[in-house]
């Protein structure tokens, strides 16, 4: 069973530059996955619509899928 989730990050209040994001999955029994990290570059845009980093949600979804797979593989052992 896989659980899909996402997080929309409003980077409009973040100082431009590299940011490292860390994620770890913990299930209801307390089993933990290894920590996954990704480094993204935050750039300021001239858009007044809030912007954010294009494609950032896809990166978070990718990390979530990897964490779920790692955690489910860990449970099988």
Protein backbone atom coordinates (compact mmCIF):
# COMPACT_ATOMS: atom_id res chain seq x y z
CA UNK A 1 0.00 0.00 0.00
CA UNK A 2 1.32 3.42 -0.89
CA UNK A 3 0.21 6.70 0.56
CA UNK A 4 0.38 9.75 -1.66
CA UNK A 5 0.92 13.15 -0.13
CA UNK A 6 2.31 16.48 -1.15
CA UNK A 7 3.29 19.76 0.42
CA UNK A 8 3.04 23.15 -1.25
CA UNK A 9 5.90 25.29 -0.06
CA UNK A 10 5.53 29.06 -0.30
CA UNK A 11 9.13 30.12 -0.85
CA UNK A 12 8.26 33.82 -1.22
CA UNK A 13 9.60 34.51 2.31
CA UNK A 14 12.79 32.48 1.86
CA UNK A 15 16.13 34.16 1.21
CA UNK A 16 17.28 33.30 -2.34
CA UNK A 17 19.96 30.62 -2.56
CA UNK A 18 20.38 26.91 -1.90
CA UNK A 19 18.04 25.24 0.60
CA UNK A 20 18.36 21.64 1.79
CA UNK A 21 15.08 19.86 2.52
CA UNK A 22 15.04 16.72 4.66
CA UNK A 23 12.25 14.15 4.93
CA UNK A 24 11.75 11.00 6.99
CA UNK A 25 8.77 8.65 7.12
CA UNK A 26 7.55 7.30 10.47
CA UNK A 27 4.64 4.87 10.59
CA UNK A 28 2.10 4.38 13.39
CA UNK A 29 4.23 1.62 14.96
CA UNK A 30 7.24 3.96 15.14
CA UNK A 31 9.27 2.34 12.33
CA UNK A 32 11.39 4.98 10.61
CA UNK A 33 12.82 5.23 7.11
CA UNK A 34 16.23 6.61 6.33
CA UNK A 35 16.30 10.37 5.94
CA UNK A 36 16.13 11.62 2.35
CA UNK A 37 17.50 15.01 1.38
CA UNK A 38 17.26 17.21 -1.67
CA UNK A 39 18.88 20.58 -2.30
CA UNK A 40 16.96 23.17 -4.30
CA UNK A 41 17.82 26.69 -5.39
CA UNK A 42 15.31 29.37 -4.43
CA UNK A 43 15.17 32.27 -6.86
CA UNK A 44 13.13 35.44 -6.54
CA UNK A 45 10.72 36.01 -9.39
CA UNK A 46 9.26 39.26 -10.60
CA UNK A 47 5.79 37.69 -10.52
CA UNK A 48 3.40 39.03 -7.89
CA UNK A 49 1.39 35.78 -7.82
CA UNK A 50 3.45 34.26 -5.00
CA UNK A 51 5.51 32.13 -7.33
CA UNK A 52 7.55 29.58 -5.48
CA UNK A 53 10.00 27.19 -7.06
CA UNK A 54 8.53 25.65 -10.24
CA UNK A 55 8.33 21.88 -10.01
CA UNK A 56 9.04 21.82 -6.28
CA UNK A 57 5.89 19.80 -5.58
CA UNK A 58 7.13 17.13 -7.99
CA UNK A 59 10.40 16.87 -6.06
CA UNK A 60 8.53 16.45 -2.77
CA UNK A 61 6.23 13.83 -4.29
CA UNK A 62 9.30 11.94 -5.57
CA UNK A 63 10.86 12.00 -2.08
CA UNK A 64 7.58 10.80 -0.53
CA UNK A 65 7.38 7.84 -2.93
CA UNK A 66 10.99 6.86 -2.20
CA UNK A 67 10.38 7.07 1.55
CA UNK A 68 7.26 4.92 1.35
CA UNK A 69 9.10 2.32 -0.75
CA UNK A 70 12.05 2.27 1.67
CA UNK A 71 9.77 1.93 4.67
CA UNK A 72 7.71 -0.87 3.11
CA UNK A 73 10.90 -2.70 2.08
CA UNK A 74 12.20 -2.35 5.64
CA UNK A 75 8.99 -3.89 7.05
CA UNK A 76 9.40 -6.97 4.82
CA UNK A 77 12.72 -7.90 6.48
